[in-house]
N, C-alpha and C. Protein backbone atom coordinates (compact mmCIF):
# COMPACT_ATOMS: atom_id res chain seq x y z
N MET A 1 82.21 55.08 69.83
CA MET A 1 81.39 54.11 68.72
C MET A 1 80.13 54.63 68.80
N ILE A 2 79.43 54.48 67.52
CA ILE A 2 78.00 54.70 67.44
C ILE A 2 77.08 53.52 67.99
N PRO A 3 76.41 53.75 69.04
CA PRO A 3 75.69 52.77 69.78
C PRO A 3 74.77 52.08 68.82
N ARG A 4 74.32 52.59 67.82
CA ARG A 4 73.33 52.09 66.99
C ARG A 4 73.88 50.99 66.25
N TYR A 5 75.07 51.08 65.78
CA TYR A 5 75.97 50.10 65.00
C TYR A 5 76.81 49.19 65.79
N ALA A 6 77.27 49.52 67.04
CA ALA A 6 78.24 48.91 67.66
C ALA A 6 77.74 47.91 68.33
N ARG A 7 78.36 46.60 68.36
CA ARG A 7 78.02 45.56 69.34
C ARG A 7 78.54 45.65 70.71
N PRO A 8 77.91 45.13 71.57
CA PRO A 8 78.29 45.27 73.06
C PRO A 8 79.67 44.68 73.26
N ALA A 9 80.03 43.54 72.70
CA ALA A 9 81.34 42.91 72.88
C ALA A 9 82.54 43.93 72.31
N MET A 10 82.18 44.41 71.22
CA MET A 10 83.14 45.34 70.70
C MET A 10 83.29 46.60 71.41
N THR A 11 82.03 47.15 71.68
CA THR A 11 82.13 48.52 72.36
C THR A 11 82.85 48.35 73.80
N ALA A 12 82.64 47.23 74.43
CA ALA A 12 83.45 47.07 75.72
C ALA A 12 84.82 47.16 75.67
N LEU A 13 85.51 46.61 74.52
CA LEU A 13 86.96 46.85 74.33
C LEU A 13 87.48 48.11 74.48
N TRP A 14 86.59 49.06 74.00
CA TRP A 14 87.18 50.43 73.95
C TRP A 14 86.56 51.30 75.00
N GLU A 15 85.76 50.76 76.05
CA GLU A 15 85.35 51.63 77.08
C GLU A 15 86.48 51.97 77.97
N PRO A 16 86.32 53.06 78.82
CA PRO A 16 87.54 53.57 79.68
C PRO A 16 87.90 52.53 80.66
N GLN A 17 87.01 51.90 81.33
CA GLN A 17 87.12 50.66 82.25
C GLN A 17 87.94 49.65 81.62
N ALA A 18 87.59 49.20 80.46
CA ALA A 18 88.52 48.18 79.90
C ALA A 18 90.09 48.63 79.59
N ARG A 19 89.97 49.80 79.24
CA ARG A 19 91.37 50.47 78.86
C ARG A 19 92.18 50.63 80.10
N PHE A 20 91.64 50.96 81.26
CA PHE A 20 92.29 51.29 82.57
C PHE A 20 92.60 49.82 83.14
N ARG A 21 91.88 48.77 82.83
CA ARG A 21 92.24 47.47 83.22
C ARG A 21 93.52 46.96 82.37
N ILE A 22 93.52 47.24 81.27
CA ILE A 22 94.82 46.83 80.48
C ILE A 22 95.89 47.66 80.97
N TRP A 23 95.65 48.88 81.21
CA TRP A 23 96.88 49.67 81.82
C TRP A 23 97.48 49.00 83.04
N PHE A 24 96.59 48.62 83.94
CA PHE A 24 96.95 48.04 85.20
C PHE A 24 97.79 46.78 84.88
N GLU A 25 97.08 45.97 84.07
CA GLU A 25 97.94 44.58 83.71
C GLU A 25 99.20 44.79 83.17
N ILE A 26 99.45 45.64 82.27
CA ILE A 26 100.78 46.15 81.80
C ILE A 26 101.75 46.43 82.89
N GLU A 27 101.12 47.46 83.75
CA GLU A 27 101.87 47.82 84.85
C GLU A 27 102.40 46.69 85.84
N ALA A 28 101.50 45.88 86.06
CA ALA A 28 101.45 44.68 87.17
C ALA A 28 102.51 43.71 86.58
N HIS A 29 102.32 43.42 85.21
CA HIS A 29 103.37 42.53 84.66
C HIS A 29 104.69 42.93 84.68
N ALA A 30 104.83 44.10 84.35
CA ALA A 30 106.17 44.73 84.44
C ALA A 30 106.80 44.66 85.72
N CYS A 31 105.97 44.82 86.85
CA CYS A 31 106.48 44.62 88.17
C CYS A 31 106.79 43.30 88.43
N ASP A 32 106.10 42.32 87.95
CA ASP A 32 106.51 40.99 88.06
C ASP A 32 107.80 40.64 87.52
N ALA A 33 108.04 41.31 86.36
CA ALA A 33 109.42 40.91 85.64
C ALA A 33 110.62 41.54 86.57
N MET A 34 110.35 42.91 86.93
CA MET A 34 111.21 43.46 87.74
C MET A 34 111.57 42.88 89.04
N ALA A 35 110.49 42.23 89.61
CA ALA A 35 110.76 41.31 90.78
C ALA A 35 111.62 40.10 90.53
N ALA A 36 111.18 39.73 89.42
CA ALA A 36 111.93 38.43 88.98
C ALA A 36 113.42 38.55 88.86
N ILE A 37 113.94 39.77 88.54
CA ILE A 37 115.34 40.04 88.52
C ILE A 37 115.90 40.76 89.65
N GLY A 38 115.12 40.87 90.74
CA GLY A 38 115.64 41.64 91.83
C GLY A 38 115.62 43.16 91.79
N ILE A 39 114.85 43.75 91.05
CA ILE A 39 114.85 45.17 91.02
C ILE A 39 113.94 45.73 91.89
N ILE A 40 112.77 45.04 92.23
CA ILE A 40 111.78 45.53 93.18
C ILE A 40 111.47 44.25 94.00
N PRO A 41 110.99 44.31 95.33
CA PRO A 41 110.66 43.19 96.19
C PRO A 41 109.70 42.41 95.59
N GLN A 42 109.76 41.14 95.69
CA GLN A 42 108.65 40.18 95.23
C GLN A 42 107.29 40.43 95.91
N ALA A 43 107.47 40.67 97.21
CA ALA A 43 106.28 40.94 98.07
C ALA A 43 105.51 42.14 97.54
N SER A 44 106.18 43.23 96.94
CA SER A 44 105.47 44.26 96.41
C SER A 44 104.90 43.89 95.22
N ALA A 45 105.39 43.20 94.37
CA ALA A 45 104.88 42.87 93.12
C ALA A 45 103.55 42.11 93.44
N GLU A 46 103.68 41.09 94.38
CA GLU A 46 102.34 40.33 94.74
C GLU A 46 101.42 41.18 95.29
N ALA A 47 101.64 42.25 95.98
CA ALA A 47 100.77 43.06 96.68
C ALA A 47 100.01 43.97 95.57
N ILE A 48 100.67 44.21 94.66
CA ILE A 48 99.98 45.09 93.51
C ILE A 48 98.91 44.35 92.82
N TRP A 49 99.13 43.04 92.58
CA TRP A 49 98.13 42.06 92.06
C TRP A 49 96.86 42.02 93.11
N ALA A 50 97.22 41.89 94.39
CA ALA A 50 96.31 41.46 95.39
C ALA A 50 95.42 42.70 95.84
N LYS A 51 95.92 43.86 95.69
CA LYS A 51 95.28 45.03 96.02
C LYS A 51 94.43 45.64 94.93
N ALA A 52 94.90 45.59 93.70
CA ALA A 52 94.15 46.20 92.56
C ALA A 52 93.84 45.21 91.48
N GLY A 53 94.13 43.86 91.59
CA GLY A 53 93.82 42.85 90.61
C GLY A 53 92.34 42.80 90.21
N ASP A 54 91.33 43.07 91.12
CA ASP A 54 90.02 42.99 90.98
C ASP A 54 89.12 44.21 91.18
N VAL A 55 89.92 45.33 91.29
CA VAL A 55 89.14 46.57 91.66
C VAL A 55 88.35 47.11 90.38
N THR A 56 87.39 47.84 90.56
CA THR A 56 86.72 48.52 89.49
C THR A 56 87.18 50.02 89.52
N PHE A 57 87.83 50.42 88.45
CA PHE A 57 88.45 51.78 88.52
C PHE A 57 87.40 52.94 88.38
N ASP A 58 87.57 54.02 89.18
CA ASP A 58 86.57 55.05 89.17
C ASP A 58 86.87 55.92 88.06
N VAL A 59 86.32 55.90 86.98
CA VAL A 59 86.69 56.65 85.89
C VAL A 59 86.58 58.13 86.06
N ALA A 60 85.44 58.60 86.87
CA ALA A 60 85.10 59.94 87.32
C ALA A 60 86.34 60.39 88.03
N ARG A 61 86.73 59.70 88.88
CA ARG A 61 87.88 60.03 89.63
C ARG A 61 89.13 60.26 88.88
N ILE A 62 89.42 59.28 87.96
CA ILE A 62 90.79 59.64 87.17
C ILE A 62 90.47 60.85 86.21
N ASP A 63 89.23 61.04 85.94
CA ASP A 63 89.02 62.32 85.08
C ASP A 63 89.30 63.58 86.01
N GLU A 64 88.82 63.46 87.15
CA GLU A 64 88.83 64.58 88.22
C GLU A 64 90.60 64.83 88.31
N ILE A 65 91.43 63.86 88.63
CA ILE A 65 92.79 64.03 88.97
C ILE A 65 93.44 64.58 87.53
N GLU A 66 92.97 64.03 86.37
CA GLU A 66 93.69 64.59 85.20
C GLU A 66 93.45 65.97 84.95
N ARG A 67 92.38 66.59 85.40
CA ARG A 67 91.99 68.04 85.36
C ARG A 67 93.03 68.80 86.12
N VAL A 68 93.72 68.13 87.15
CA VAL A 68 94.80 68.89 87.82
C VAL A 68 96.19 68.50 87.24
N THR A 69 96.32 67.18 86.94
CA THR A 69 97.71 66.93 86.44
C THR A 69 97.87 67.14 84.96
N HIS A 70 96.81 67.16 84.14
CA HIS A 70 96.96 67.39 82.78
C HIS A 70 97.71 66.18 82.19
N HIS A 71 97.50 65.06 82.73
CA HIS A 71 98.26 63.92 82.20
C HIS A 71 97.54 62.74 82.40
N ASP A 72 97.03 61.82 81.50
CA ASP A 72 96.08 60.80 81.51
C ASP A 72 96.91 59.59 82.47
N VAL A 73 98.01 59.27 82.01
CA VAL A 73 98.70 58.30 82.88
C VAL A 73 99.04 58.48 84.26
N ILE A 74 99.37 59.76 84.39
CA ILE A 74 99.87 60.25 85.82
C ILE A 74 98.58 60.21 86.61
N ALA A 75 97.35 60.67 85.98
CA ALA A 75 96.12 60.53 86.69
C ALA A 75 95.70 59.08 87.06
N PHE A 76 95.98 58.19 86.04
CA PHE A 76 95.54 56.83 86.52
C PHE A 76 96.38 56.25 87.58
N LEU A 77 97.88 56.51 87.45
CA LEU A 77 98.79 55.99 88.66
C LEU A 77 98.48 56.55 89.84
N THR A 78 97.95 57.84 89.92
CA THR A 78 97.57 58.48 91.17
C THR A 78 96.33 57.78 91.72
N HIS A 79 95.29 57.41 90.92
CA HIS A 79 94.24 56.86 91.47
C HIS A 79 94.72 55.21 91.70
N LEU A 80 95.43 54.64 90.96
CA LEU A 80 95.84 53.33 91.30
C LEU A 80 96.64 53.22 92.69
N ALA A 81 97.32 54.28 92.93
CA ALA A 81 98.04 54.24 94.21
C ALA A 81 97.12 54.46 95.30
N GLU A 82 96.01 54.91 95.20
CA GLU A 82 94.83 54.91 96.21
C GLU A 82 94.51 53.50 96.63
N PHE A 83 94.50 52.67 95.81
CA PHE A 83 94.16 51.18 96.20
C PHE A 83 95.46 50.51 96.64
N ILE A 84 96.52 50.80 96.13
CA ILE A 84 97.76 49.93 96.44
C ILE A 84 98.44 50.36 97.72
N GLY A 85 98.63 51.68 97.70
CA GLY A 85 99.31 52.20 98.93
C GLY A 85 100.79 52.38 98.79
N PRO A 86 101.63 52.14 99.71
CA PRO A 86 103.21 52.47 99.68
C PRO A 86 103.82 51.67 98.49
N ASP A 87 103.40 50.42 98.19
CA ASP A 87 103.98 49.62 97.22
C ASP A 87 103.71 50.17 95.80
N ALA A 88 102.86 51.31 95.73
CA ALA A 88 102.67 51.88 94.46
C ALA A 88 103.79 52.52 93.98
N ARG A 89 104.85 52.83 94.68
CA ARG A 89 106.02 53.49 94.34
C ARG A 89 106.78 52.76 93.29
N PHE A 90 106.51 51.38 93.27
CA PHE A 90 107.20 50.48 92.38
C PHE A 90 106.70 50.42 90.93
N VAL A 91 105.28 50.94 90.93
CA VAL A 91 104.65 50.88 89.58
C VAL A 91 105.14 51.98 88.54
N HIS A 92 105.36 51.61 87.52
CA HIS A 92 105.70 52.44 86.25
C HIS A 92 107.09 52.64 86.54
N GLN A 93 107.86 52.11 87.36
CA GLN A 93 109.34 52.31 87.29
C GLN A 93 110.02 52.12 86.14
N GLY A 94 110.89 52.88 85.44
CA GLY A 94 111.61 52.61 84.36
C GLY A 94 110.77 52.71 83.15
N MET A 95 109.43 53.02 83.25
CA MET A 95 108.67 52.88 81.96
C MET A 95 108.36 54.35 81.47
N THR A 96 107.82 54.65 80.24
CA THR A 96 107.27 55.80 79.76
C THR A 96 105.75 55.48 79.50
N SER A 97 105.25 56.67 79.28
CA SER A 97 103.80 56.57 79.07
C SER A 97 103.56 55.91 77.68
N SER A 98 104.36 56.06 76.68
CA SER A 98 104.34 55.28 75.60
C SER A 98 104.25 53.64 75.67
N ASP A 99 105.10 53.16 76.71
CA ASP A 99 105.12 51.96 76.98
C ASP A 99 103.69 51.26 77.20
N VAL A 100 102.89 52.11 78.04
CA VAL A 100 101.65 51.74 78.38
C VAL A 100 100.51 52.02 77.19
N LEU A 101 100.67 53.19 76.84
CA LEU A 101 99.57 53.47 75.64
C LEU A 101 99.63 52.68 74.51
N ASP A 102 100.88 52.54 74.04
CA ASP A 102 101.10 51.91 72.72
C ASP A 102 100.87 50.30 72.88
N THR A 103 101.13 49.74 74.08
CA THR A 103 101.01 48.50 74.29
C THR A 103 99.33 48.10 74.37
N CYS A 104 98.79 49.06 75.05
CA CYS A 104 97.27 48.88 75.32
C CYS A 104 96.56 48.94 74.12
N LEU A 105 97.06 49.87 73.10
CA LEU A 105 96.46 49.94 71.88
C LEU A 105 96.52 48.64 71.12
N ALA A 106 97.68 47.98 71.01
CA ALA A 106 98.04 46.87 70.17
C ALA A 106 97.23 45.74 70.89
N VAL A 107 97.15 45.59 72.23
CA VAL A 107 96.16 44.62 72.95
C VAL A 107 94.64 44.80 72.55
N GLN A 108 94.21 46.05 72.41
CA GLN A 108 92.78 46.25 72.00
C GLN A 108 92.54 45.92 70.71
N LEU A 109 93.67 46.23 69.70
CA LEU A 109 93.32 46.02 68.23
C LEU A 109 93.39 44.54 68.18
N THR A 110 94.32 43.72 68.91
CA THR A 110 94.33 42.32 68.75
C THR A 110 93.07 41.59 69.11
N ARG A 111 92.48 42.10 70.30
CA ARG A 111 91.19 41.53 70.75
C ARG A 111 90.01 41.91 69.77
N ALA A 112 89.93 43.05 69.32
CA ALA A 112 89.05 43.48 68.27
C ALA A 112 89.21 42.65 67.10
N ALA A 113 90.26 42.27 66.48
CA ALA A 113 90.72 41.50 65.48
C ALA A 113 90.06 40.07 65.78
N ASP A 114 90.43 39.55 66.89
CA ASP A 114 89.79 38.27 67.27
C ASP A 114 88.39 38.14 67.43
N LEU A 115 87.63 39.27 67.66
CA LEU A 115 86.16 39.16 67.61
C LEU A 115 85.79 39.29 66.20
N LEU A 116 86.38 40.09 65.21
CA LEU A 116 85.90 40.01 63.93
C LEU A 116 86.13 38.67 63.30
N ILE A 117 87.29 38.03 63.55
CA ILE A 117 87.62 36.83 62.90
C ILE A 117 86.69 35.73 63.38
N THR A 118 86.17 35.74 64.66
CA THR A 118 85.35 34.77 65.12
C THR A 118 83.86 35.03 64.34
N ASP A 119 83.42 36.23 64.26
CA ASP A 119 82.18 36.58 63.83
C ASP A 119 82.10 36.33 62.15
N VAL A 120 83.32 36.54 61.41
CA VAL A 120 83.33 36.20 60.12
C VAL A 120 83.38 34.69 59.92
N ASP A 121 83.92 34.02 60.73
CA ASP A 121 83.99 32.46 60.71
C ASP A 121 82.56 31.97 60.78
N ALA A 122 81.76 32.61 61.62
CA ALA A 122 80.42 32.06 61.85
C ALA A 122 79.64 32.42 60.46
N LEU A 123 79.92 33.71 60.11
CA LEU A 123 79.25 34.28 58.72
C LEU A 123 79.48 33.30 57.65
N LEU A 124 80.80 32.84 57.45
CA LEU A 124 81.12 32.03 56.44
C LEU A 124 80.43 30.65 56.41
N ALA A 125 80.33 30.20 57.67
CA ALA A 125 79.71 28.83 57.95
C ALA A 125 78.20 28.90 57.57
N ALA A 126 77.62 30.04 57.95
CA ALA A 126 76.04 30.11 57.63
C ALA A 126 75.87 30.30 56.16
N LEU A 127 76.71 31.18 55.40
CA LEU A 127 76.63 31.34 54.00
C LEU A 127 76.83 30.12 53.15
N LYS A 128 77.83 29.34 53.66
CA LYS A 128 78.31 28.06 53.09
C LYS A 128 76.84 27.05 53.11
N ARG A 129 76.47 26.97 54.38
CA ARG A 129 75.28 26.04 54.60
C ARG A 129 74.10 26.47 53.77
N ARG A 130 73.77 27.82 53.75
CA ARG A 130 72.65 28.21 53.04
C ARG A 130 72.88 28.09 51.39
N ALA A 131 74.09 28.29 51.01
CA ALA A 131 74.35 28.26 49.63
C ALA A 131 74.00 26.90 49.19
N TYR A 132 74.39 25.75 49.82
CA TYR A 132 74.14 24.30 49.62
C TYR A 132 72.65 24.13 49.45
N GLU A 133 71.95 24.73 50.49
CA GLU A 133 70.49 24.56 50.78
C GLU A 133 69.70 25.12 49.65
N HIS A 134 70.34 26.35 49.06
CA HIS A 134 69.44 26.97 47.89
C HIS A 134 70.37 26.84 46.57
N ARG A 135 70.94 25.60 46.45
CA ARG A 135 71.81 25.65 45.23
C ARG A 135 70.81 25.26 44.00
N LEU A 136 69.66 25.06 44.13
CA LEU A 136 68.74 24.77 43.08
C LEU A 136 67.50 25.61 43.21
N THR A 137 67.57 26.61 43.99
CA THR A 137 66.43 27.71 44.13
C THR A 137 66.53 28.68 43.16
N PRO A 138 65.66 28.77 42.06
CA PRO A 138 65.96 29.81 41.06
C PRO A 138 65.65 31.20 41.49
N THR A 139 66.29 32.21 40.86
CA THR A 139 66.13 33.59 41.20
C THR A 139 66.34 34.55 39.96
N ILE A 140 66.18 35.76 40.05
CA ILE A 140 66.34 36.43 38.82
C ILE A 140 67.85 37.06 39.08
N GLY A 141 68.50 36.80 37.67
CA GLY A 141 69.78 37.32 37.70
C GLY A 141 69.68 38.89 37.30
N ARG A 142 70.66 39.62 37.71
CA ARG A 142 70.59 40.95 37.36
C ARG A 142 71.80 41.43 36.72
N SER A 143 71.73 42.28 35.91
CA SER A 143 72.70 43.02 35.14
C SER A 143 72.38 44.49 34.81
N HIS A 144 73.17 45.48 35.53
CA HIS A 144 72.96 46.90 35.26
C HIS A 144 71.42 47.22 35.75
N GLY A 145 70.98 46.55 36.86
CA GLY A 145 69.66 46.98 37.43
C GLY A 145 68.55 46.30 36.63
N ILE A 146 68.75 45.59 35.71
CA ILE A 146 67.59 44.82 35.20
C ILE A 146 67.54 43.41 35.15
N HIS A 147 66.44 42.90 34.83
CA HIS A 147 66.42 41.33 34.94
C HIS A 147 67.28 40.81 33.83
N ALA A 148 68.19 39.96 34.36
CA ALA A 148 69.08 39.09 33.49
C ALA A 148 68.74 37.55 33.57
N GLU A 149 69.51 36.86 32.94
CA GLU A 149 69.26 35.45 32.83
C GLU A 149 69.12 34.92 34.25
N PRO A 150 68.15 33.93 34.59
CA PRO A 150 67.95 33.26 35.84
C PRO A 150 69.24 32.58 36.24
N VAL A 151 69.38 32.63 37.52
CA VAL A 151 70.49 31.97 38.21
C VAL A 151 69.79 31.29 39.51
N THR A 152 70.59 30.75 40.37
CA THR A 152 70.01 30.25 41.66
C THR A 152 70.56 31.26 42.79
N PHE A 153 69.84 31.14 43.79
CA PHE A 153 70.02 31.82 44.97
C PHE A 153 71.27 31.42 45.76
N GLY A 154 71.44 30.04 45.66
CA GLY A 154 72.72 29.57 46.13
C GLY A 154 74.00 30.08 45.57
N LEU A 155 73.80 30.43 44.15
CA LEU A 155 75.01 31.06 43.45
C LEU A 155 75.26 32.47 44.11
N LYS A 156 74.23 33.09 44.31
CA LYS A 156 74.47 34.38 44.88
C LYS A 156 75.22 34.24 46.37
N LEU A 157 74.59 33.38 47.11
CA LEU A 157 75.15 33.18 48.45
C LEU A 157 76.47 32.74 48.30
N ALA A 158 76.99 31.77 47.40
CA ALA A 158 78.32 31.47 47.19
C ALA A 158 79.21 32.67 46.77
N GLN A 159 78.74 33.53 46.13
CA GLN A 159 79.40 34.72 45.68
C GLN A 159 79.77 35.54 46.94
N ALA A 160 78.81 35.67 47.70
CA ALA A 160 78.80 36.49 48.91
C ALA A 160 80.03 35.66 49.82
N HIS A 161 79.95 34.34 49.80
CA HIS A 161 80.81 33.62 50.65
C HIS A 161 82.29 33.80 50.21
N ALA A 162 82.49 33.82 48.80
CA ALA A 162 83.78 34.20 48.17
C ALA A 162 84.38 35.52 48.66
N GLU A 163 83.64 36.53 48.68
CA GLU A 163 83.97 37.90 49.03
C GLU A 163 84.31 37.88 50.42
N PHE A 164 83.57 37.39 51.42
CA PHE A 164 83.86 37.49 52.79
C PHE A 164 85.31 36.72 53.07
N ALA A 165 85.24 35.55 52.29
CA ALA A 165 86.43 34.71 52.52
C ALA A 165 87.71 35.47 52.12
N ASN A 166 87.59 36.21 50.97
CA ASN A 166 88.66 37.10 50.69
C ASN A 166 89.11 38.07 51.61
N GLY A 167 88.26 38.62 52.32
CA GLY A 167 88.50 39.49 53.27
C GLY A 167 88.97 38.88 54.74
N TRP A 168 88.61 37.80 54.88
CA TRP A 168 88.80 37.07 56.05
C TRP A 168 90.48 36.60 55.96
N TRP A 169 90.89 36.34 54.89
CA TRP A 169 92.20 35.65 54.79
C TRP A 169 93.25 36.57 55.27
N PRO A 170 93.41 37.86 54.75
CA PRO A 170 94.51 38.50 55.41
C PRO A 170 94.23 39.02 56.85
N LEU A 171 93.12 39.08 57.30
CA LEU A 171 92.85 39.36 58.74
C LEU A 171 93.23 38.29 59.57
N ALA A 172 92.92 37.03 59.33
CA ALA A 172 93.21 35.77 59.99
C ALA A 172 94.66 35.54 60.04
N ARG A 173 95.26 35.61 58.83
CA ARG A 173 96.62 35.40 58.71
C ARG A 173 97.55 36.30 59.35
N ARG A 174 97.06 37.63 59.30
CA ARG A 174 97.96 38.65 60.13
C ARG A 174 97.93 38.59 61.48
N TRP A 175 96.86 38.09 62.05
CA TRP A 175 96.72 38.02 63.61
C TRP A 175 96.66 36.67 64.03
N ARG A 176 97.18 35.59 63.39
CA ARG A 176 97.34 34.12 63.78
C ARG A 176 98.22 34.02 64.96
N PRO A 177 97.89 33.33 65.94
CA PRO A 177 99.12 32.89 66.84
C PRO A 177 100.32 32.42 66.21
N ALA A 178 101.50 32.68 66.91
CA ALA A 178 102.85 32.24 66.18
C ALA A 178 103.55 31.48 67.40
N PRO A 179 104.29 30.39 66.91
CA PRO A 179 104.74 29.55 68.01
C PRO A 179 106.13 30.07 68.32
N SER A 180 106.63 31.15 67.95
CA SER A 180 107.97 31.52 68.10
C SER A 180 108.13 32.10 69.67
N PRO A 181 109.31 32.01 70.13
CA PRO A 181 109.54 32.61 71.57
C PRO A 181 108.90 33.95 71.89
N ALA A 182 108.57 34.15 73.12
CA ALA A 182 108.01 35.40 73.55
C ALA A 182 109.23 36.47 73.65
N ARG A 183 108.89 37.66 73.18
CA ARG A 183 109.94 38.76 73.20
C ARG A 183 109.22 40.06 73.78
N SER A 184 110.03 40.82 74.21
CA SER A 184 109.56 42.20 74.65
C SER A 184 109.62 43.25 73.63
N ALA A 185 108.65 43.98 73.53
CA ALA A 185 108.68 45.11 72.41
C ALA A 185 109.51 46.23 73.12
N PRO A 186 110.55 46.68 72.39
CA PRO A 186 111.31 47.77 73.09
C PRO A 186 110.66 49.00 73.23
N SER A 187 111.10 50.01 74.16
CA SER A 187 110.36 51.18 74.47
C SER A 187 110.29 52.20 73.17
N ARG A 188 109.25 52.94 73.00
CA ARG A 188 109.03 53.84 71.87
C ARG A 188 109.45 53.23 70.46
N THR A 189 109.13 52.03 70.07
CA THR A 189 109.23 51.49 68.97
C THR A 189 107.95 50.97 68.47
N SER A 190 107.95 50.72 67.28
CA SER A 190 106.72 50.40 66.61
C SER A 190 106.40 48.89 67.19
N THR A 191 105.11 48.75 67.39
CA THR A 191 104.72 47.21 67.98
C THR A 191 104.03 46.45 66.81
N ARG A 192 104.25 46.82 65.40
CA ARG A 192 103.85 46.11 64.21
C ARG A 192 104.37 44.84 63.97
N GLY A 193 103.56 43.91 64.08
CA GLY A 193 104.27 42.52 64.16
C GLY A 193 103.94 41.83 65.26
N TRP A 194 103.37 42.52 66.57
CA TRP A 194 103.60 41.88 67.68
C TRP A 194 102.07 41.32 67.99
N ARG A 195 101.92 39.98 68.50
CA ARG A 195 100.60 39.51 68.29
C ARG A 195 100.38 38.79 69.73
N SER A 196 99.39 39.26 70.70
CA SER A 196 99.08 38.62 71.79
C SER A 196 97.73 39.27 72.29
N THR A 197 96.74 38.59 72.97
CA THR A 197 95.76 39.23 73.51
C THR A 197 96.00 39.55 75.01
N SER A 198 97.04 39.25 75.44
CA SER A 198 97.37 39.58 76.88
C SER A 198 98.52 40.46 76.83
N PRO A 199 98.55 41.48 77.77
CA PRO A 199 99.56 42.47 77.77
C PRO A 199 101.00 41.71 78.50
N ARG A 200 100.71 40.51 78.95
CA ARG A 200 101.91 39.78 79.64
C ARG A 200 102.97 39.58 78.67
N ARG A 201 102.86 39.18 77.48
CA ARG A 201 103.98 38.79 76.52
C ARG A 201 103.45 39.24 75.11
N TRP A 202 104.56 39.40 74.28
CA TRP A 202 104.22 39.66 72.88
C TRP A 202 104.86 38.46 72.13
N VAL A 203 104.24 37.94 71.18
CA VAL A 203 104.81 36.95 70.28
C VAL A 203 104.89 37.47 68.90
N TRP A 204 106.13 37.35 68.41
CA TRP A 204 106.40 37.86 66.97
C TRP A 204 105.67 37.13 65.87
N CYS A 205 105.06 37.74 65.08
CA CYS A 205 104.33 37.28 63.85
C CYS A 205 104.75 37.90 62.46
N PRO A 206 105.38 37.24 61.60
CA PRO A 206 106.03 37.93 60.50
C PRO A 206 104.77 38.65 59.86
N SER A 207 105.01 39.73 59.40
CA SER A 207 103.96 40.66 58.78
C SER A 207 104.70 41.66 57.66
N PRO A 208 103.70 41.95 56.57
CA PRO A 208 102.40 41.47 56.57
C PRO A 208 102.20 40.02 55.79
N CYS A 209 101.51 39.20 56.20
CA CYS A 209 101.38 37.88 55.41
C CYS A 209 100.59 38.04 54.26
N ARG A 210 101.02 37.71 53.06
CA ARG A 210 100.35 37.97 51.83
C ARG A 210 99.96 36.45 51.20
N ARG A 211 98.80 36.70 50.32
CA ARG A 211 98.24 35.43 49.63
C ARG A 211 99.24 35.10 48.53
N ARG A 212 99.25 33.83 48.30
CA ARG A 212 100.15 33.38 47.26
C ARG A 212 99.18 32.57 46.21
């Protein structure tokens, strides 16, 4: 992202450290699920969280390993094993790189959309408040770059509110929380329509939602 235009909260979502944190959570939750059905020891699943749940991943170290492995996920798993130890043999079991990468991207996009929705909500509230405040404030109307009939500044703000509301609707409807049961996205399939800000579970949301 271009630092001049990017906000810290949005930039943080796409930093390597945040990406590796999501990768870890995906792997750790997968281990929890495997432990629950007896594929791996429960103690190992708990140890994975205990030993790496709060660590700060060394991005430079992962890049160093990747220069040898030529594989980003293998480099991350190798670095993760340096924290976890022998129990790391259960991490990524039965998974593919796409399970991690695609799920991570879906989580990042969802969190980014949540930021956008929150900010547009605040903007809409400000535009509405100021539109009422200036509903009788006269201003020059414009038509093709020249002075037109006078209007009110509140009207211009109301028009801006309508435009932002028109953009907010499909975004908010598309990413709204759904009450339906949790389901797991199959390996190597599209995650279109899955909505959750946590890698732990995906909730089905009908898509795309259209205005009526």
